[in-house]
C-alpha atoms as a PDB file:
ATOM      1  CA  MET A   1    -186.708  31.538-111.370  1.00  0.00           C
ATOM      2  CA  GLN A   2    -184.762  31.290-108.106  1.00  0.00           C
ATOM      3  CA  LYS A   3    -186.179  33.244-105.138  1.00  0.00           C
ATOM      4  CA  GLU A   4    -183.365  35.763-105.323  1.00  0.00           C
ATOM      5  CA  ALA A   5    -181.638  36.757-108.531  1.00  0.00           C
ATOM      6  CA  PRO A   6    -177.866  37.366-108.252  1.00  0.00           C
ATOM      7  CA  VAL A   7    -178.378  41.118-108.502  1.00  0.00           C
ATOM      8  CA  ASN A   8    -174.886  41.994-107.311  1.00  0.00           C
ATOM      9  CA  ASN A   9    -173.379  39.871-110.084  1.00  0.00           C
ATOM     10  CA  ILE A  10    -175.634  41.531-112.628  1.00  0.00           C
ATOM     11  CA  LEU A  11    -174.577  44.928-111.304  1.00  0.00           C
ATOM     12  CA  SER A  12    -170.948  43.981-111.688  1.00  0.00           C
ATOM     13  CA  LYS A  13    -171.671  42.770-115.210  1.00  0.00           C
ATOM     14  CA  LEU A  14    -173.217  46.134-116.068  1.00  0.00           C
ATOM     15  CA  ASP A  15    -170.287  47.940-114.404  1.00  0.00           C
ATOM     16  CA  ASP A  16    -167.746  45.819-116.342  1.00  0.00           C
ATOM     17  CA  SER A  17    -166.228  44.908-112.986  1.00  0.00           C
ATOM     18  CA  ILE A  18    -167.410  41.310-112.736  1.00  0.00           C
ATOM     19  CA  THR A  19    -164.897  38.692-111.567  1.00  0.00           C
ATOM     20  CA  THR A  20    -164.403  35.268-113.126  1.00  0.00           C
ATOM     21  CA  ASP A  21    -166.209  33.523-110.262  1.00  0.00           C
ATOM     22  CA  GLU A  22    -169.093  36.013-110.363  1.00  0.00           C
ATOM     23  CA  SER A  23    -169.380  35.583-114.126  1.00  0.00           C
ATOM     24  CA  LEU A  24    -169.509  31.803-113.778  1.00  0.00           C
ATOM     25  CA  GLU A  25    -172.156  32.020-111.060  1.00  0.00           C
ATOM     26  CA  LEU A  26    -174.244  34.402-113.197  1.00  0.00           C
ATOM     27  CA  ASP A  27    -173.953  32.192-116.277  1.00  0.00           C
ATOM     28  CA  ASN A  28    -175.053  29.121-114.319  1.00  0.00           C
ATOM     29  CA  TRP A  29    -178.050  31.006-112.923  1.00  0.00           C
ATOM     30  CA  ARG A  30    -179.098  32.195-116.379  1.00  0.00           C
ATOM     31  CA  LYS A  31    -178.884  28.674-117.791  1.00  0.00           C
ATOM     32  CA  ALA A  32    -180.908  27.196-114.923  1.00  0.00           C
ATOM     33  CA  SER A  33    -184.250  28.170-116.476  1.00  0.00           C
ATOM     34  CA  GLU A  34    -185.831  30.162-119.301  1.00  0.00           C
ATOM     35  CA  GLU A  35    -187.433  32.407-116.686  1.00  0.00           C
ATOM     36  CA  ASN A  36    -184.020  33.336-115.274  1.00  0.00           C
ATOM     37  CA  GLU A  37    -182.747  34.202-118.746  1.00  0.00           C
ATOM     38  CA  SER A  38    -185.857  36.258-119.479  1.00  0.00           C
ATOM     39  CA  PHE A  39    -185.420  38.155-116.195  1.00  0.00           C
ATOM     40  CA  TYR A  40    -181.774  38.905-117.035  1.00  0.00           C
ATOM     41  CA  LYS A  41    -182.652  40.178-120.511  1.00  0.00           C
ATOM     42  CA  ALA A  42    -185.514  42.307-119.195  1.00  0.00           C
ATOM     43  CA  PHE A  43    -183.248  43.703-116.464  1.00  0.00           C
ATOM     44  CA  THR A  44    -180.511  44.579-118.971  1.00  0.00           C
ATOM     45  CA  PHE A  45    -182.953  46.016-121.473  1.00  0.00           C
ATOM     46  CA  LEU A  46    -184.573  48.322-118.919  1.00  0.00           C
ATOM     47  CA  TRP A  47    -181.222  49.495-117.605  1.00  0.00           C
ATOM     48  CA  ASN A  48    -179.760  50.177-121.052  1.00  0.00           C
ATOM     49  CA  ASP A  49    -182.965  51.933-122.037  1.00  0.00           C
ATOM     50  CA  LYS A  50    -182.650  54.310-119.085  1.00  0.00           C
ATOM     51  CA  GLN A  51    -178.925  54.797-119.627  1.00  0.00           C
ATOM     52  CA  THR A  52    -179.246  55.799-123.281  1.00  0.00           C
ATOM     53  CA  GLY A  53    -182.378  57.850-122.794  1.00  0.00           C
ATOM     54  CA  GLN A  54    -183.842  56.365-126.002  1.00  0.00           C
ATOM     55  CA  SER A  55    -187.061  55.009-124.563  1.00  0.00           C
ATOM     56  CA  ASN A  56    -190.117  55.488-126.755  1.00  0.00           C
ATOM     57  CA  TYR A  57    -192.144  56.089-123.620  1.00  0.00           C
ATOM     58  CA  GLN A  58    -191.993  59.757-122.578  1.00  0.00           C
ATOM     59  CA  PRO A  59    -194.016  60.291-119.379  1.00  0.00           C
ATOM     60  CA  ASN A  60    -194.769  63.755-117.999  1.00  0.00           C
ATOM     61  CA  THR A  61    -192.815  62.886-114.861  1.00  0.00           C
ATOM     62  CA  GLU A  62    -189.498  62.541-116.717  1.00  0.00           C
ATOM     63  CA  LYS A  63    -188.155  65.705-115.136  1.00  0.00           C
ATOM     64  CA  ALA A  64    -188.975  64.497-111.656  1.00  0.00           C
ATOM     65  CA  LEU A  65    -187.407  61.119-112.426  1.00  0.00           C
ATOM     66  CA  SER A  66    -184.260  62.823-113.664  1.00  0.00           C
ATOM     67  CA  ILE A  67    -183.964  64.737-110.402  1.00  0.00           C
ATOM     68  CA  ALA A  68    -184.553  61.584-108.413  1.00  0.00           C
ATOM     69  CA  ARG A  69    -181.758  59.780-110.201  1.00  0.00           C
ATOM     70  CA  HIS A  70    -179.253  62.282-108.870  1.00  0.00           C
ATOM     71  CA  ARG A  71    -180.392  61.567-105.331  1.00  0.00           C
ATOM     72  CA  ILE A  72    -179.754  57.866-105.418  1.00  0.00           C
ATOM     73  CA  SER A  73    -176.674  55.878-106.230  1.00  0.00           C
ATOM     74  CA  ARG A  74    -176.312  54.032-109.505  1.00  0.00           C
ATOM     75  CA  ARG A  75    -176.682  50.663-107.803  1.00  0.00           C
ATOM     76  CA  GLN A  76    -179.807  51.780-105.991  1.00  0.00           C
ATOM     77  CA  PHE A  77    -181.320  52.770-109.320  1.00  0.00           C
ATOM     78  CA  ILE A  78    -180.409  49.413-110.863  1.00  0.00           C
ATOM     79  CA  ARG A  79    -181.988  47.573-107.921  1.00  0.00           C
ATOM     80  CA  ARG A  80    -185.174  49.576-108.422  1.00  0.00           C
ATOM     81  CA  THR A  81    -184.997  48.735-112.135  1.00  0.00           C
ATOM     82  CA  ALA A  82    -184.745  45.073-111.147  1.00  0.00           C
ATOM     83  CA  ASN A  83    -187.939  45.400-109.144  1.00  0.00           C
ATOM     84  CA  VAL A  84    -189.674  46.945-112.141  1.00  0.00           C
ATOM     85  CA  ALA A  85    -188.495  44.067-114.351  1.00  0.00           C
ATOM     86  CA  ALA A  86    -189.793  41.523-111.845  1.00  0.00           C
ATOM     87  CA  VAL A  87    -193.174  43.255-111.685  1.00  0.00           C
ATOM     88  CA  LEU A  88    -193.392  43.371-115.489  1.00  0.00           C
ATOM     89  CA  ILE A  89    -192.665  39.651-115.751  1.00  0.00           C
ATOM     90  CA  ALA A  90    -195.282  38.877-113.109  1.00  0.00           C
ATOM     91  CA  LEU A  91    -197.883  41.062-114.834  1.00  0.00           C
ATOM     92  CA  ILE A  92    -197.223  39.417-118.196  1.00  0.00           C
ATOM     93  CA  ALA A  93    -197.591  35.956-116.648  1.00  0.00           C
ATOM     94  CA  VAL A  94    -200.876  36.902-114.953  1.00  0.00           C
ATOM     95  CA  SER A  95    -202.178  38.549-118.142  1.00  0.00           C
ATOM     96  CA  SER A  96    -201.356  35.434-120.170  1.00  0.00           C
ATOM     97  CA  VAL A  97    -203.300  33.256-117.749  1.00  0.00           C
ATOM     98  CA  PHE A  98    -206.236  35.676-117.810  1.00  0.00           C
ATOM     99  CA  LEU A  99    -206.310  35.752-121.600  1.00  0.00           C
ATOM    100  CA  MET A 100    -206.122  31.984-121.753  1.00  0.00           C
ATOM    101  CA  LEU A 101    -209.039  31.638-119.349  1.00  0.00           C
ATOM    102  CA  SER A 102    -211.051  34.293-121.178  1.00  0.00           C
ATOM    103  CA  SER A 103    -210.546  32.693-124.578  1.00  0.00           C
ATOM    104  CA  SER A 104    -211.444  29.255-123.258  1.00  0.00           C
ATOM    105  CA  SER A 105    -215.122  30.188-123.119  1.00  0.00           C
ATOM    106  CA  ASN A 106    -217.147  29.179-126.181  1.00  0.00           C
ATOM    107  CA  SER A 107    -214.212  27.130-127.410  1.00  0.00           C
ATOM    108  CA  ILE A 108    -214.103  23.714-129.062  1.00  0.00           C
ATOM    109  CA  SER A 109    -211.446  21.138-128.258  1.00  0.00           C
ATOM    110  CA  ILE A 110    -210.878  18.041-130.396  1.00  0.00           C
ATOM    111  CA  VAL A 111    -208.604  15.096-129.643  1.00  0.00           C
ATOM    112  CA  ALA A 112    -208.205  12.933-132.737  1.00  0.00           C
ATOM    113  CA  ALA A 113    -208.782   9.228-132.048  1.00  0.00           C
ATOM    114  CA  HIS A 114    -207.499   8.654-135.588  1.00  0.00           C
ATOM    115  CA  GLN A 115    -206.395  10.905-138.452  1.00  0.00           C
ATOM    116  CA  GLN A 116    -209.194  13.441-138.650  1.00  0.00           C
ATOM    117  CA  GLU A 117    -210.151  16.377-140.846  1.00  0.00           C
ATOM    118  CA  VAL A 118    -211.602  19.481-139.167  1.00  0.00           C
ATOM    119  CA  THR A 119    -213.160  22.551-140.805  1.00  0.00           C
ATOM    120  CA  LEU A 120    -212.795  25.729-138.728  1.00  0.00           C
ATOM    121  CA  PRO A 121    -215.368  28.584-138.617  1.00  0.00           C
ATOM    122  CA  ASP A 122    -213.408  30.528-141.295  1.00  0.00           C
ATOM    123  CA  ASN A 123    -213.340  27.465-143.612  1.00  0.00           C
ATOM    124  CA  THR A 124    -209.717  26.699-142.809  1.00  0.00           C
ATOM    125  CA  THR A 125    -209.043  22.966-143.172  1.00  0.00           C
ATOM    126  CA  VAL A 126    -207.022  21.158-140.500  1.00  0.00           C
ATOM    127  CA  ILE A 127    -205.972  17.514-140.655  1.00  0.00           C
ATOM    128  CA  LEU A 128    -205.019  16.172-137.246  1.00  0.00           C
ATOM    129  CA  ALA A 129    -202.708  13.210-136.782  1.00  0.00           C
ATOM    130  CA  LYS A 130    -203.873  10.503-134.387  1.00  0.00           C
ATOM    131  CA  GLY A 131    -203.650  11.620-130.730  1.00  0.00           C
ATOM    132  CA  SER A 132    -203.289  15.339-131.558  1.00  0.00           C
ATOM    133  CA  GLN A 133    -205.412  18.027-129.885  1.00  0.00           C
ATOM    134  CA  LEU A 134    -206.777  21.219-131.444  1.00  0.00           C
ATOM    135  CA  THR A 135    -208.596  23.973-129.536  1.00  0.00           C
ATOM    136  CA  TYR A 136    -210.341  26.860-131.313  1.00  0.00           C
ATOM    137  CA  PRO A 137    -213.261  29.292-130.746  1.00  0.00           C
ATOM    138  CA  ASP A 138    -216.685  28.583-132.188  1.00  0.00           C
ATOM    139  CA  VAL A 139    -216.454  31.981-133.919  1.00  0.00           C
ATOM    140  CA  PHE A 140    -213.373  34.067-134.757  1.00  0.00           C
ATOM    141  CA  LYS A 141    -214.523  37.402-133.330  1.00  0.00           C
ATOM    142  CA  SER A 142    -211.253  39.251-132.692  1.00  0.00           C
ATOM    143  CA  SER A 143    -208.787  40.804-135.132  1.00  0.00           C
ATOM    144  CA  LYS A 144    -206.815  37.529-135.085  1.00  0.00           C
ATOM    145  CA  ARG A 145    -207.792  33.928-135.706  1.00  0.00           C
ATOM    146  CA  GLU A 146    -206.068  32.025-132.897  1.00  0.00           C
ATOM    147  CA  VAL A 147    -205.996  28.263-132.324  1.00  0.00           C
ATOM    148  CA  ASN A 148    -203.985  26.035-129.991  1.00  0.00           C
ATOM    149  CA  LEU A 149    -202.299  22.797-131.086  1.00  0.00           C
ATOM    150  CA  SER A 150    -200.705  19.927-129.210  1.00  0.00           C
ATOM    151  CA  GLY A 151    -199.397  17.202-131.492  1.00  0.00           C
ATOM    152  CA  LYS A 152    -199.183  17.146-135.292  1.00  0.00           C
ATOM    153  CA  ALA A 153    -201.463  18.829-137.825  1.00  0.00           C
ATOM    154  CA  TRP A 154    -201.573  20.063-141.412  1.00  0.00           C
ATOM    155  CA  PHE A 155    -203.254  23.417-142.087  1.00  0.00           C
ATOM    156  CA  ASP A 156    -204.794  24.811-145.263  1.00  0.00           C
ATOM    157  CA  VAL A 157    -205.582  28.327-144.045  1.00  0.00           C
ATOM    158  CA  ALA A 158    -208.378  30.386-145.601  1.00  0.00           C
ATOM    159  CA  HIS A 159    -206.875  33.622-146.935  1.00  0.00           C
ATOM    160  CA  ASN A 160    -207.825  36.737-144.967  1.00  0.00           C
ATOM    161  CA  PRO A 161    -205.084  39.391-144.622  1.00  0.00           C
ATOM    162  CA  GLU A 162    -207.345  41.479-142.391  1.00  0.00           C
ATOM    163  CA  GLN A 163    -207.488  38.691-139.794  1.00  0.00           C
ATOM    164  CA  PRO A 164    -204.125  36.870-139.438  1.00  0.00           C
ATOM    165  CA  PHE A 165    -204.197  33.200-138.474  1.00  0.00           C
ATOM    166  CA  ILE A 166    -202.034  32.192-135.487  1.00  0.00           C
ATOM    167  CA  VAL A 167    -201.264  28.683-134.257  1.00  0.00           C
ATOM    168  CA  GLU A 168    -200.090  28.595-130.641  1.00  0.00           C
ATOM    169  CA  THR A 169    -198.101  25.602-129.394  1.00  0.00           C
ATOM    170  CA  HIS A 170    -196.452  25.020-126.028  1.00  0.00           C
ATOM    171  CA  ASN A 171    -193.309  26.969-126.944  1.00  0.00           C
ATOM    172  CA  ALA A 172    -194.021  29.102-130.024  1.00  0.00           C
ATOM    173  CA  PHE A 173    -196.444  30.985-132.273  1.00  0.00           C
ATOM    174  CA  THR A 174    -196.776  30.452-136.028  1.00  0.00           C
ATOM    175  CA  LYS A 175    -198.436  33.351-137.841  1.00  0.00           C
ATOM    176  CA  VAL A 176    -199.867  33.094-141.375  1.00  0.00           C
ATOM    177  CA  LEU A 177    -202.271  34.844-143.738  1.00  0.00           C
ATOM    178  CA  GLY A 178    -203.207  32.065-146.156  1.00  0.00           C
ATOM    179  CA  THR A 179    -201.025  29.033-146.736  1.00  0.00           C
ATOM    180  CA  GLN A 180    -200.456  25.292-146.331  1.00  0.00           C
ATOM    181  CA  PHE A 181    -198.070  23.908-143.731  1.00  0.00           C
ATOM    182  CA  THR A 182    -197.461  21.138-141.203  1.00  0.00           C
ATOM    183  CA  ILE A 183    -196.702  21.682-137.501  1.00  0.00           C
ATOM    184  CA  THR A 184    -195.417  19.040-135.116  1.00  0.00           C
ATOM    185  CA  ALA A 185    -195.448  20.277-131.509  1.00  0.00           C
ATOM    186  CA  CYS A 186    -195.064  17.725-128.726  1.00  0.00           C
ATOM    187  CA  LYS A 187    -193.620  18.807-125.375  1.00  0.00           C
ATOM    188  CA  THR A 188    -191.120  15.931-125.325  1.00  0.00           C
ATOM    189  CA  GLU A 189    -189.822  16.570-128.861  1.00  0.00           C
ATOM    190  CA  PRO A 190    -188.538  19.523-130.920  1.00  0.00           C
ATOM    191  CA  THR A 191    -191.197  21.704-132.528  1.00  0.00           C
ATOM    192  CA  THR A 192    -191.065  21.650-136.334  1.00  0.00           C
ATOM    193  CA  VAL A 193    -192.869  23.602-139.039  1.00  0.00           C
ATOM    194  CA  PHE A 194    -192.754  22.624-142.728  1.00  0.00           C
ATOM    195  CA  LEU A 195    -194.178  25.042-145.296  1.00  0.00           C
ATOM    196  CA  ASP A 196    -195.850  23.752-148.479  1.00  0.00           C
ATOM    197  CA  GLU A 197    -197.199  27.028-149.859  1.00  0.00           C
ATOM    198  CA  GLY A 198    -197.335  30.721-148.931  1.00  0.00           C
ATOM    199  CA  LYS A 199    -195.334  32.273-146.087  1.00  0.00           C
ATOM    200  CA  VAL A 200    -195.327  31.951-142.296  1.00  0.00           C
ATOM    201  CA  ALA A 201    -193.564  33.667-139.410  1.00  0.00           C
ATOM    202  CA  PHE A 202    -192.326  31.419-136.592  1.00  0.00           C
ATOM    203  CA  GLN A 203    -191.933  33.156-133.193  1.00  0.00           C
ATOM    204  CA  PRO A 204    -190.549  31.301-130.130  1.00  0.00           C
ATOM    205  CA  LYS A 205    -192.089  32.138-126.746  1.00  0.00           C
ATOM    206  CA  GLN A 206    -188.950  33.816-125.417  1.00  0.00           C
ATOM    207  CA  TRP A 207    -188.262  37.399-124.473  1.00  0.00           C
ATOM    208  CA  PHE A 208    -186.484  39.281-127.275  1.00  0.00           C
ATOM    209  CA  SER A 209    -186.566  36.230-129.569  1.00  0.00           C
ATOM    210  CA  GLN A 210    -186.471  36.852-133.307  1.00  0.00           C
ATOM    211  CA  SER A 211    -189.205  35.963-135.775  1.00  0.00           C
ATOM    212  CA  HIS A 212    -188.195  33.507-138.514  1.00  0.00           C
ATOM    213  CA  ILE A 213    -189.819  33.747-141.953  1.00  0.00           C
ATOM    214  CA  LEU A 214    -190.317  30.497-143.883  1.00  0.00           C
ATOM    215  CA  LYS A 215    -190.676  30.206-147.650  1.00  0.00           C
ATOM    216  CA  PRO A 216    -192.199  27.243-149.532  1.00  0.00           C
ATOM    217  CA  GLY A 217    -190.085  24.116-149.172  1.00  0.00           C
ATOM    218  CA  GLU A 218    -188.386  25.363-145.995  1.00  0.00           C
ATOM    219  CA  MET A 219    -188.720  23.965-142.493  1.00  0.00           C
ATOM    220  CA  ILE A 220    -187.694  25.082-139.014  1.00  0.00           C
ATOM    221  CA  ASN A 221    -186.721  22.971-136.026  1.00  0.00           C
ATOM    222  CA  TYR A 222    -186.938  24.561-132.560  1.00  0.00           C
ATOM    223  CA  SER A 223    -185.555  22.968-129.400  1.00  0.00           C
ATOM    224  CA  ASP A 224    -183.904  24.197-126.184  1.00  0.00           C
ATOM    225  CA  GLY A 225    -184.167  27.835-127.268  1.00  0.00           C
ATOM    226  CA  ILE A 226    -182.405  27.254-130.605  1.00  0.00           C
ATOM    227  CA  CYS A 227    -183.994  27.560-134.066  1.00  0.00           C
ATOM    228  CA  HIS A 228    -182.572  25.744-137.074  1.00  0.00           C
ATOM    229  CA  LYS A 229    -183.999  26.618-140.491  1.00  0.00           C
ATOM    230  CA  ALA A 230    -183.235  24.480-143.535  1.00  0.00           C
ATOM    231  CA  LYS A 231    -184.460  23.472-146.969  1.00  0.00           C
ATOM    232  CA  GLN A 232    -186.743  20.425-146.905  1.00  0.00           C
ATOM    233  CA  ASN A 233    -185.728  18.415-149.961  1.00  0.00           C
ATOM    234  CA  ASN A 234    -188.531  15.895-149.495  1.00  0.00           C
ATOM    235  CA  LEU A 235    -191.513  17.263-151.425  1.00  0.00           C
ATOM    236  CA  ASN A 236    -193.756  14.744-149.693  1.00  0.00           C
ATOM    237  CA  ALA A 237    -193.269  15.787-146.075  1.00  0.00           C
ATOM    238  CA  SER A 238    -197.009  16.553-145.903  1.00  0.00           C
ATOM    239  CA  SER A 239    -198.240  13.596-147.981  1.00  0.00           C
ATOM    240  CA  TRP A 240    -199.636  11.937-144.843  1.00  0.00           C
ATOM    241  CA  ALA A 241    -202.264  14.700-144.808  1.00  0.00           C
ATOM    242  CA  THR A 242    -202.610  15.849-148.421  1.00  0.00           C
ATOM    243  CA  GLN A 243    -202.795  12.260-149.750  1.00  0.00           C
ATOM    244  CA  LYS A 244    -200.627  13.307-152.684  1.00  0.00           C
ATOM    245  CA  LEU A 245    -197.123  12.314-153.738  1.00  0.00           C
ATOM    246  CA  LYS A 246    -195.216  14.987-155.669  1.00  0.00           C
ATOM    247  CA  PHE A 247    -192.133  14.381-157.815  1.00  0.00           C
ATOM    248  CA  LYS A 248    -189.971  16.695-159.896  1.00  0.00           C
ATOM    249  CA  SER A 249    -187.413  14.933-162.090  1.00  0.00           C
ATOM    250  CA  THR A 250    -186.965  12.425-159.256  1.00  0.00           C
ATOM    251  CA  PRO A 251    -184.904   9.222-159.805  1.00  0.00           C
ATOM    252  CA  LEU A 252    -187.191   6.198-160.033  1.00  0.00           C
ATOM    253  CA  PHE A 253    -185.579   4.442-157.067  1.00  0.00           C
ATOM    254  CA  GLU A 254    -186.574   7.422-154.875  1.00  0.00           C
ATOM    255  CA  VAL A 255    -190.085   7.428-156.341  1.00  0.00           C
ATOM    256  CA  ILE A 256    -190.389   3.720-155.501  1.00  0.00           C
ATOM    257  CA  SER A 257    -189.220   4.357-151.927  1.00  0.00           C
ATOM    258  CA  GLU A 258    -191.907   7.019-151.422  1.00  0.00           C
ATOM    259  CA  ILE A 259    -194.602   4.774-152.905  1.00  0.00           C
ATOM    260  CA  GLU A 260    -193.579   1.873-150.666  1.00  0.00           C
ATOM    261  CA  SER A 261    -193.701   4.056-147.566  1.00  0.00           C
ATOM    262  CA  TYR A 262    -197.013   5.713-148.442  1.00  0.00           C
ATOM    263  CA  TYR A 263    -198.956   2.689-149.685  1.00  0.00           C
ATOM    264  CA  LYS A 264    -197.245   0.081-147.460  1.00  0.00           C
ATOM    265  CA  VAL A 265    -196.301  -2.189-150.365  1.00  0.00           C
ATOM    266  CA  LYS A 266    -193.158  -3.791-151.805  1.00  0.00           C
ATOM    267  CA  VAL A 267    -191.903  -2.606-155.201  1.00  0.00           C
ATOM    268  CA  GLU A 268    -188.920  -4.037-157.090  1.00  0.00           C
ATOM    269  CA  LEU A 269    -187.008  -2.928-160.179  1.00  0.00           C
ATOM    270  CA  GLN A 270    -186.003  -5.474-162.804  1.00  0.00           C
ATOM    271  CA  THR A 271    -182.562  -3.893-163.230  1.00  0.00           C
ATOM    272  CA  PRO A 272    -180.623  -1.323-161.181  1.00  0.00           C
ATOM    273  CA  GLN A 273    -180.307   0.866-164.294  1.00  0.00           C
ATOM    274  CA  THR A 274    -184.084   1.292-164.317  1.00  0.00           C
ATOM    275  CA  GLY A 275    -183.816   3.153-161.008  1.00  0.00           C
ATOM    276  CA  GLN A 276    -181.956   6.022-162.700  1.00  0.00           C
ATOM    277  CA  LEU A 277    -184.949   6.939-164.863  1.00  0.00           C
ATOM    278  CA  ARG A 278    -186.560  10.201-163.740  1.00  0.00           C
ATOM    279  CA  PHE A 279    -190.226  10.825-163.029  1.00  0.00           C
ATOM    280  CA  SER A 280    -192.174  14.071-162.653  1.00  0.00           C
ATOM    281  CA  GLY A 281    -195.793  14.388-161.653  1.00  0.00           C
ATOM    282  CA  THR A 282    -198.326  14.196-158.823  1.00  0.00           C
ATOM    283  CA  LEU A 283    -199.788  10.873-157.718  1.00  0.00           C
ATOM    284  CA  LYS A 284    -203.106  11.014-155.878  1.00  0.00           C
ATOM    285  CA  GLU A 285    -204.465   7.574-156.708  1.00  0.00           C
ATOM    286  CA  PRO A 286    -206.219   5.567-153.963  1.00  0.00           C
ATOM    287  CA  THR A 287    -204.193   2.359-154.512  1.00  0.00           C
ATOM    288  CA  ALA A 288    -200.559   1.461-155.098  1.00  0.00           C
ATOM    289  CA  GLN A 289    -201.399  -0.389-158.301  1.00  0.00           C
ATOM    290  CA  GLU A 290    -203.064   2.661-159.846  1.00  0.00           C
ATOM    291  CA  ALA A 291    -200.144   4.882-158.854  1.00  0.00           C
ATOM    292  CA  LEU A 292    -197.574   2.434-160.255  1.00  0.00           C
ATOM    293  CA  GLU A 293    -199.536   2.093-163.473  1.00  0.00           C
ATOM    294  CA  ILE A 294    -199.168   5.846-164.037  1.00  0.00           C
ATOM    295  CA  VAL A 295    -195.426   5.664-163.337  1.00  0.00           C
ATOM    296  CA  ALA A 296    -195.032   2.689-165.695  1.00  0.00           C
ATOM    297  CA  LEU A 297    -197.038   4.377-168.459  1.00  0.00           C
ATOM    298  CA  THR A 298    -195.060   7.614-168.155  1.00  0.00           C
ATOM    299  CA  LEU A 299    -191.659   5.883-168.266  1.00  0.00           C
ATOM    300  CA  LYS A 300    -192.738   3.232-170.816  1.00  0.00           C
ATOM    301  CA  LEU A 301    -192.261   0.356-168.383  1.00  0.00           C
ATOM    302  CA  LYS A 302    -194.250  -2.783-167.662  1.00  0.00           C
ATOM    303  CA  LEU A 303    -195.882  -3.413-164.292  1.00  0.00           C
ATOM    304  CA  VAL A 304    -196.039  -6.982-163.009  1.00  0.00           C
ATOM    305  CA  GLN A 305    -197.790  -7.985-159.776  1.00  0.00           C
ATOM    306  CA  ASN A 306    -196.956 -11.126-157.822  1.00  0.00           C
ATOM    307  CA  GLU A 307    -199.094 -11.410-154.693  1.00  0.00           C
ATOM    308  CA  ASN A 308    -198.044  -8.422-152.517  1.00  0.00           C
ATOM    309  CA  THR A 309    -195.046  -7.423-154.635  1.00  0.00           C
ATOM    310  CA  PHE A 310    -194.941  -5.170-157.712  1.00  0.00           C
ATOM    311  CA  THR A 311    -192.132  -5.210-160.275  1.00  0.00           C
ATOM    312  CA  LEU A 312    -191.319  -2.554-162.858  1.00  0.00           C
ATOM    313  CA  CYS A 313    -189.733  -4.044-165.994  1.00  0.00           C
ATOM    314  CA  LEU A 314    -188.309  -2.663-169.232  1.00  0.00           C
END
């Protein structure tokens, strides 16, 4: 945040007397950083809270505060509110650092040199992609099971509604009870969450940001303060970790494409019409040949292998 917030412009905004130039200057300041935007929202929230008198916090000194308000101008009160907002932001930042340092004791940090499976103290299974880092306590002692992720990982969370599971990344929290999902969270790329089973709540690390609930088959993409939720039509978005390929009345040409990508092989169809056949099932075979044999048997096709190429024939 800049050393001095444009308080006068904010005051004018609250007074509905802001000029075009002041509005432009305020907008540019808010867009300059997330901290500036958070300060503005906190400032506005505190002021509106005092104006409406709807605060849930009812101190014994309310009467004295009410008398004091009549002794100072409106702008003086807003400036004092701004100071309160600044102090709150500073306290939250310091508290976050303190909590991070406190939780770092008795913690385990793993950086995956290759794809690696990790079992957490609660029997949650995590599969880390190469180069990803996971930090977690040696024992989940608090009311929440909290871990920190940098990179890409697939989670199969042990069900425990009394102790919610939370994955913290550099810009968001993902809260679950018991489910399977993939998170990709690199600082240079958008953060994505894809849900296989169960339900999760995705919460960006922004003041007043909304929580987004994901259902199975849905994914969320978060970048530059914007969340985009959509249906993930690819049932195999987590196949890299689960080592399973799932299909539901899928055209054969799409099945072949998934098999080629997963097993790193070349598969051909004898005729284009063959590609319109539909396949349903789960493939979890260790080799491409075994997987293709199941597809061929199901669709009453013949499988022919020539060196590194497979062909499905009528």
